[in-house]
Amino acid sequence: MKRATLIVLPFILYILGLLLYYFDKINIYLFFILIITGLGIALLGFYLYRNNNRQKQIFVGIFFVISLICVFESRLINYEVYTYFVTSYNEPFEIVEDSGIHILSVDIFEAAYIDDLDYLIKTLELSNDKEVLDAEMVTNKIRYTSKNDELLSYIRPAEKHFETMKGNVVAYLPGTSSAIEDFLNREDFEGDSAGLAAVLSGLIENGSFNNNVPIAVTGAIDGEGNVKEIGSMKAKILIAEKSGFSHIFIPEENAKEAREVKDIHQLNIEIIEVASVDRAVMEIEKLNT
């Protein structure tokens, strides 16, 4: 085997294994077999060129690099147990009483070891007394992204989406009431998808505009009032439909997904896409005329 082949083959095996794993063509164990094979090739090169100090050092370096890669990727094993993300129903609620603006929230459960989806759904519904609305299979792409996010969190603080939302709501509203402050200080709420609903509730409470129509609202915002994309769109539309809302306000960036959910499930709810708080206010005023 040529020296150049011995040098590049460990890295080719790693890259090939990573691509095959990432796109769900192989499992974690085959991925690691390819990495370990690369380590074996580095040892072979070291043995074959043991009498040449320069070449020997090259293969020592390759062995060291592939060993670091092996340690880096080994965290994936902890994510291999997860099989599904399951989303269940939560009752919509108002931050400001009689504002008509209802927040949509979901519970997300990370299921481990269970491959039988029907059994998983029945078990969760019986134990939690909540309807399961959606289940997403955990792919290797999700596992790999989660692993990298975890490792990055050791060198940089993980973003706390609810705290980000809190800052953006406070930055946009001219003042916050006790109802808004109570919501923003909750410790049992995660994510930033209640940002638009919180701002609209605050504007109604301080008299900026009126609303007499029950509306389901979901969407994150930035400090300038632009409405940003959110997750769990399917579950939130199903919650709004199940709860009897005639309209749901969503971010414009989620429009395609929302329309597909409505068509597939043949829902009656009207989807209103907005890109800013100002646009949402205009649409609410239209509904009230």
Protein backbone atom coordinates (compact mmCIF):
# COMPACT_ATOMS: atom_id res chain seq x y z
CA MET A 1 0.00 0.00 0.00
CA LYS A 2 1.47 3.37 -0.99
CA ARG A 3 2.46 5.86 1.71
CA ALA A 4 0.12 8.57 0.33
CA THR A 5 -2.82 6.17 0.52
CA LEU A 6 -1.99 5.31 4.13
CA ILE A 7 -1.88 9.01 4.97
CA VAL A 8 -5.23 10.03 3.45
CA LEU A 9 -7.27 6.84 3.97
CA PRO A 10 -8.03 7.40 7.71
CA PHE A 11 -9.52 10.81 6.90
CA ILE A 12 -11.44 9.47 3.91
CA LEU A 13 -12.96 6.77 6.12
CA TYR A 14 -13.96 9.35 8.72
CA ILE A 15 -15.57 11.72 6.20
CA LEU A 16 -17.33 8.84 4.45
CA GLY A 17 -18.59 7.48 7.75
CA LEU A 18 -19.78 10.91 8.86
CA LEU A 19 -21.76 11.46 5.65
CA LEU A 20 -23.30 8.00 5.77
CA TYR A 21 -24.25 8.44 9.42
CA TYR A 22 -25.57 12.00 8.98
CA PHE A 23 -27.92 10.88 6.21
CA ASP A 24 -29.11 7.78 8.12
CA LYS A 25 -27.36 5.23 5.92
CA ILE A 26 -25.45 3.63 8.82
CA ASN A 27 -25.78 3.60 12.60
CA ILE A 28 -23.37 4.95 15.20
CA TYR A 29 -21.59 1.63 15.62
CA LEU A 30 -20.66 1.29 11.95
CA PHE A 31 -19.56 4.92 12.03
CA PHE A 32 -17.15 4.15 14.86
CA ILE A 33 -15.91 1.01 13.12
CA LEU A 34 -14.81 3.24 10.22
CA ILE A 35 -13.06 5.65 12.60
CA ILE A 36 -11.32 2.82 14.44
CA THR A 37 -10.28 1.33 11.10
CA GLY A 38 -8.62 4.67 10.40
CA LEU A 39 -6.72 4.34 13.68
CA GLY A 40 -5.60 0.87 12.62
CA ILE A 41 -4.33 2.22 9.29
CA ALA A 42 -2.34 4.91 11.12
CA LEU A 43 -0.75 2.20 13.30
CA LEU A 44 0.02 0.16 10.19
CA GLY A 45 1.77 3.14 8.63
CA PHE A 46 3.74 3.68 11.83
CA TYR A 47 4.87 0.04 11.75
CA LEU A 48 5.78 0.05 8.07
CA TYR A 49 7.80 3.27 8.35
CA ARG A 50 9.16 2.73 11.86
CA ASN A 51 12.73 3.10 10.60
CA ASN A 52 12.06 6.48 9.00
CA ASN A 53 11.73 9.12 11.73
CA ARG A 54 10.02 11.71 9.53
CA GLN A 55 7.42 9.29 8.16
CA LYS A 56 6.93 7.74 11.58
CA GLN A 57 6.09 11.16 13.05
CA ILE A 58 3.53 11.74 10.30
CA PHE A 59 1.66 8.58 11.25
CA VAL A 60 1.91 9.40 14.95
CA GLY A 61 0.29 12.73 14.14
CA ILE A 62 -2.46 11.04 12.10
CA PHE A 63 -3.13 8.61 14.93
CA PHE A 64 -3.38 11.52 17.39
CA VAL A 65 -5.80 13.48 15.15
CA ILE A 66 -8.07 10.48 14.52
CA SER A 67 -8.02 9.71 18.25
CA LEU A 68 -9.25 13.25 18.97
CA ILE A 69 -11.98 12.82 16.36
CA CYS A 70 -13.00 9.57 18.03
CA VAL A 71 -13.29 11.30 21.41
CA PHE A 72 -15.19 14.22 19.82
CA GLU A 73 -17.72 11.93 18.13
CA SER A 74 -18.07 9.53 21.08
CA ARG A 75 -20.68 11.82 22.66
CA LEU A 76 -23.07 10.65 19.94
CA ILE A 77 -23.54 7.38 21.80
CA ASN A 78 -25.54 9.24 24.48
CA TYR A 79 -28.01 10.43 21.83
CA GLU A 80 -28.48 7.04 20.22
CA VAL A 81 -31.12 6.07 22.81
CA TYR A 82 -33.58 8.78 21.72
CA THR A 83 -36.18 7.62 19.23
CA TYR A 84 -38.98 10.23 19.06
CA PHE A 85 -39.84 13.79 20.00
CA VAL A 86 -43.50 13.69 21.02
CA THR A 87 -45.60 16.85 21.22
CA SER A 88 -48.76 16.93 23.32
CA TYR A 89 -51.69 19.29 23.85
CA ASN A 90 -51.72 22.24 26.24
CA GLU A 91 -54.76 24.41 26.86
CA PRO A 92 -54.40 27.88 25.24
CA PHE A 93 -54.49 30.78 27.69
CA GLU A 94 -54.58 34.58 27.86
CA ILE A 95 -51.83 36.61 29.49
CA VAL A 96 -54.19 39.58 29.85
CA GLU A 97 -57.73 38.60 30.75
CA ASP A 98 -60.36 39.39 28.08
CA SER A 99 -57.71 40.52 25.59
CA GLY A 100 -58.77 37.74 23.21
CA ILE A 101 -55.09 36.95 22.54
CA HIS A 102 -54.39 33.32 23.38
CA ILE A 103 -50.94 31.77 23.70
CA LEU A 104 -50.34 28.34 22.20
CA SER A 105 -47.87 26.18 24.10
CA VAL A 106 -46.93 22.53 23.81
CA ASP A 107 -45.23 19.87 25.89
CA ILE A 108 -42.36 18.10 24.14
CA PHE A 109 -41.23 14.73 25.45
CA GLU A 110 -37.99 13.06 24.36
CA ALA A 111 -38.71 9.34 24.13
CA ALA A 112 -35.86 6.89 24.64
CA TYR A 113 -35.52 3.23 23.66
CA ILE A 114 -39.12 2.94 22.38
CA ASP A 115 -39.47 2.24 18.64
CA ASP A 116 -43.19 1.33 18.64
CA LEU A 117 -44.85 4.69 18.04
CA ASP A 118 -48.42 3.48 18.65
CA TYR A 119 -47.40 2.02 22.01
CA LEU A 120 -45.53 5.23 22.89
CA ILE A 121 -48.51 7.46 22.10
CA LYS A 122 -50.99 5.31 24.03
CA THR A 123 -48.68 5.16 27.04
CA LEU A 124 -48.12 8.92 27.12
CA GLU A 125 -51.80 9.75 26.69
CA LEU A 126 -52.77 7.41 29.51
CA SER A 127 -50.06 8.59 31.88
CA ASN A 128 -50.30 12.34 31.20
CA ASP A 129 -53.99 12.59 30.25
CA LYS A 130 -52.99 14.78 27.30
CA GLU A 131 -53.61 14.18 23.62
CA VAL A 132 -50.48 13.57 21.53
CA LEU A 133 -50.54 15.89 18.53
CA ASP A 134 -47.30 15.11 16.72
CA ALA A 135 -44.35 12.72 16.83
CA GLU A 136 -41.06 13.31 15.06
CA MET A 137 -38.59 10.49 14.60
CA VAL A 138 -35.13 11.38 15.88
CA THR A 139 -32.78 11.20 12.90
CA ASN A 140 -28.99 11.02 12.94
CA LYS A 141 -28.94 14.58 11.67
CA ILE A 142 -30.84 15.69 14.78
CA ARG A 143 -28.55 13.61 17.01
CA TYR A 144 -25.41 15.06 15.44
CA THR A 145 -26.66 18.65 15.68
CA SER A 146 -27.70 18.14 19.31
CA LYS A 147 -24.30 16.68 20.16
CA ASN A 148 -22.48 19.64 18.63
CA ASP A 149 -24.76 22.11 20.42
CA GLU A 150 -24.01 20.39 23.72
CA LEU A 151 -20.26 20.53 23.16
CA LEU A 152 -20.44 24.19 22.12
CA SER A 153 -22.35 24.98 25.31
CA TYR A 154 -19.19 24.15 27.28
CA ILE A 155 -17.31 27.03 25.64
CA ARG A 156 -20.15 29.50 25.16
CA PRO A 157 -23.38 30.02 27.11
CA ALA A 158 -26.41 28.32 25.56
CA GLU A 159 -29.04 30.76 24.36
CA LYS A 160 -32.02 30.98 26.69
CA HIS A 161 -34.85 31.64 24.27
CA PHE A 162 -37.39 32.66 26.91
CA GLU A 163 -34.95 35.25 28.32
CA THR A 164 -34.34 36.54 24.79
CA MET A 165 -38.08 36.84 24.26
CA LYS A 166 -38.44 38.63 27.59
CA GLY A 167 -35.85 41.22 26.58
CA ASN A 168 -37.48 41.79 23.19
CA VAL A 169 -40.97 42.18 24.67
CA VAL A 170 -39.74 44.71 27.25
CA ALA A 171 -37.79 46.58 24.54
CA TYR A 172 -40.84 46.87 22.30
CA LEU A 173 -43.57 47.69 24.79
CA PRO A 174 -43.56 51.26 26.20
CA GLY A 175 -44.38 49.82 29.62
CA THR A 176 -45.37 46.48 31.09
CA SER A 177 -48.28 45.72 33.39
CA SER A 178 -48.31 43.30 36.28
CA ALA A 179 -49.97 40.65 34.06
CA ILE A 180 -47.20 40.90 31.45
CA GLU A 181 -44.48 40.97 34.12
CA ASP A 182 -45.96 37.91 35.83
CA PHE A 183 -45.86 36.00 32.56
CA LEU A 184 -42.32 37.11 31.74
CA ASN A 185 -41.16 35.97 35.18
CA ARG A 186 -42.59 32.48 34.87
CA GLU A 187 -40.11 29.66 35.36
CA ASP A 188 -42.23 26.90 33.83
CA PHE A 189 -42.17 28.29 30.31
CA GLU A 190 -39.54 27.76 27.62
CA GLY A 191 -38.98 29.06 24.12
CA ASP A 192 -39.70 32.40 22.48
CA SER A 193 -42.88 31.67 20.52
CA ALA A 194 -45.09 33.66 22.93
CA GLY A 195 -43.38 36.95 22.08
CA LEU A 196 -45.96 38.19 19.58
CA ALA A 197 -48.88 37.24 21.84
CA ALA A 198 -47.26 38.99 24.82
CA VAL A 199 -46.73 42.23 22.88
CA LEU A 200 -50.24 42.22 21.43
CA SER A 201 -51.69 41.54 24.89
CA GLY A 202 -49.70 44.44 26.32
CA LEU A 203 -50.80 46.82 23.56
CA ILE A 204 -54.46 45.91 24.12
CA GLU A 205 -54.10 46.35 27.86
CA ASN A 206 -52.58 49.84 27.54
CA GLY A 207 -55.33 50.92 25.11
CA SER A 208 -53.31 51.06 21.88
CA PHE A 209 -56.09 49.11 20.14
CA ASN A 210 -59.08 46.92 20.99
CA ASN A 211 -59.89 43.30 20.27
CA ASN A 212 -63.13 41.40 20.81
CA VAL A 213 -62.31 38.32 18.73
CA PRO A 214 -60.73 35.20 20.30
CA ILE A 215 -57.48 34.66 18.37
CA ALA A 216 -54.75 32.04 18.67
CA VAL A 217 -51.33 33.67 18.33
CA THR A 218 -47.83 32.25 17.98
CA GLY A 219 -44.59 33.88 16.88
CA ALA A 220 -41.28 35.12 18.20
CA ILE A 221 -40.30 38.79 17.89
CA ASP A 222 -37.15 40.85 17.90
CA GLY A 223 -36.70 44.15 19.72
CA GLU A 224 -38.02 46.09 16.72
CA GLY A 225 -41.27 44.15 16.48
CA ASN A 226 -40.42 41.91 13.55
CA VAL A 227 -42.12 38.52 13.81
CA LYS A 228 -39.74 35.58 13.57
CA GLU A 229 -40.09 31.87 12.77
CA ILE A 230 -41.02 29.38 15.50
CA GLY A 231 -41.08 25.59 15.92
CA SER A 232 -43.82 23.02 16.59
CA MET A 233 -46.02 24.69 13.98
CA LYS A 234 -48.06 21.58 13.23
CA ALA A 235 -48.94 20.97 16.87
CA LYS A 236 -49.89 24.60 17.48
CA ILE A 237 -52.25 24.75 14.50
CA LEU A 238 -53.88 21.51 15.65
CA ILE A 239 -54.27 22.94 19.16
CA ALA A 240 -55.90 26.09 17.76
CA GLU A 241 -58.29 24.05 15.62
CA LYS A 242 -59.12 21.65 18.47
CA SER A 243 -59.76 24.60 20.81
CA GLY A 244 -62.30 26.13 18.43
CA PHE A 245 -60.44 29.23 17.24
CA SER A 246 -61.52 30.59 13.87
CA HIS A 247 -58.20 32.39 13.28
CA ILE A 248 -54.54 31.81 14.07
CA PHE A 249 -51.78 34.38 13.66
CA ILE A 250 -48.42 32.90 12.66
CA PRO A 251 -45.04 34.20 11.45
CA GLU A 252 -44.81 34.76 7.73
CA GLU A 253 -41.71 32.53 7.72
CA ASN A 254 -43.87 29.57 8.85
CA ALA A 255 -46.52 30.13 6.17
CA LYS A 256 -45.63 27.25 3.85
CA GLU A 257 -45.52 24.69 6.66
CA ALA A 258 -48.77 25.99 8.13
CA ARG A 259 -50.60 25.77 4.80
CA GLU A 260 -49.43 22.21 4.31
CA VAL A 261 -50.68 21.23 7.77
CA LYS A 262 -54.05 22.84 7.07
CA ASP A 263 -54.41 21.03 3.73
CA ILE A 264 -53.23 17.62 4.96
CA HIS A 265 -55.49 17.64 8.02
CA GLN A 266 -58.37 19.45 6.25
CA LEU A 267 -58.65 22.12 8.94
CA ASN A 268 -61.19 24.96 8.94
CA ILE A 269 -59.12 27.51 10.83
CA GLU A 270 -58.04 30.63 8.92
CA ILE A 271 -54.29 31.22 8.93
CA ILE A 272 -53.12 34.83 9.02
CA GLU A 273 -49.42 35.35 8.30
CA VAL A 274 -47.71 38.42 9.71
CA ALA A 275 -44.16 39.74 9.48
CA SER A 276 -44.40 42.44 12.15
CA VAL A 277 -46.35 43.51 15.21
CA ASP A 278 -47.79 46.47 13.26
CA ARG A 279 -49.12 44.09 10.60
CA ALA A 280 -50.66 41.87 13.28
CA VAL A 281 -52.42 44.89 14.80
CA MET A 282 -53.82 45.87 11.39
CA GLU A 283 -55.13 42.34 10.83
CA ILE A 284 -56.76 42.25 14.26
CA GLU A 285 -58.45 45.59 13.62
CA LYS A 286 -59.81 44.17 10.34
CA LEU A 287 -61.26 41.19 12.21
CA ASN A 288 -62.97 43.55 14.64
CA THR A 289 -64.74 45.47 11.91
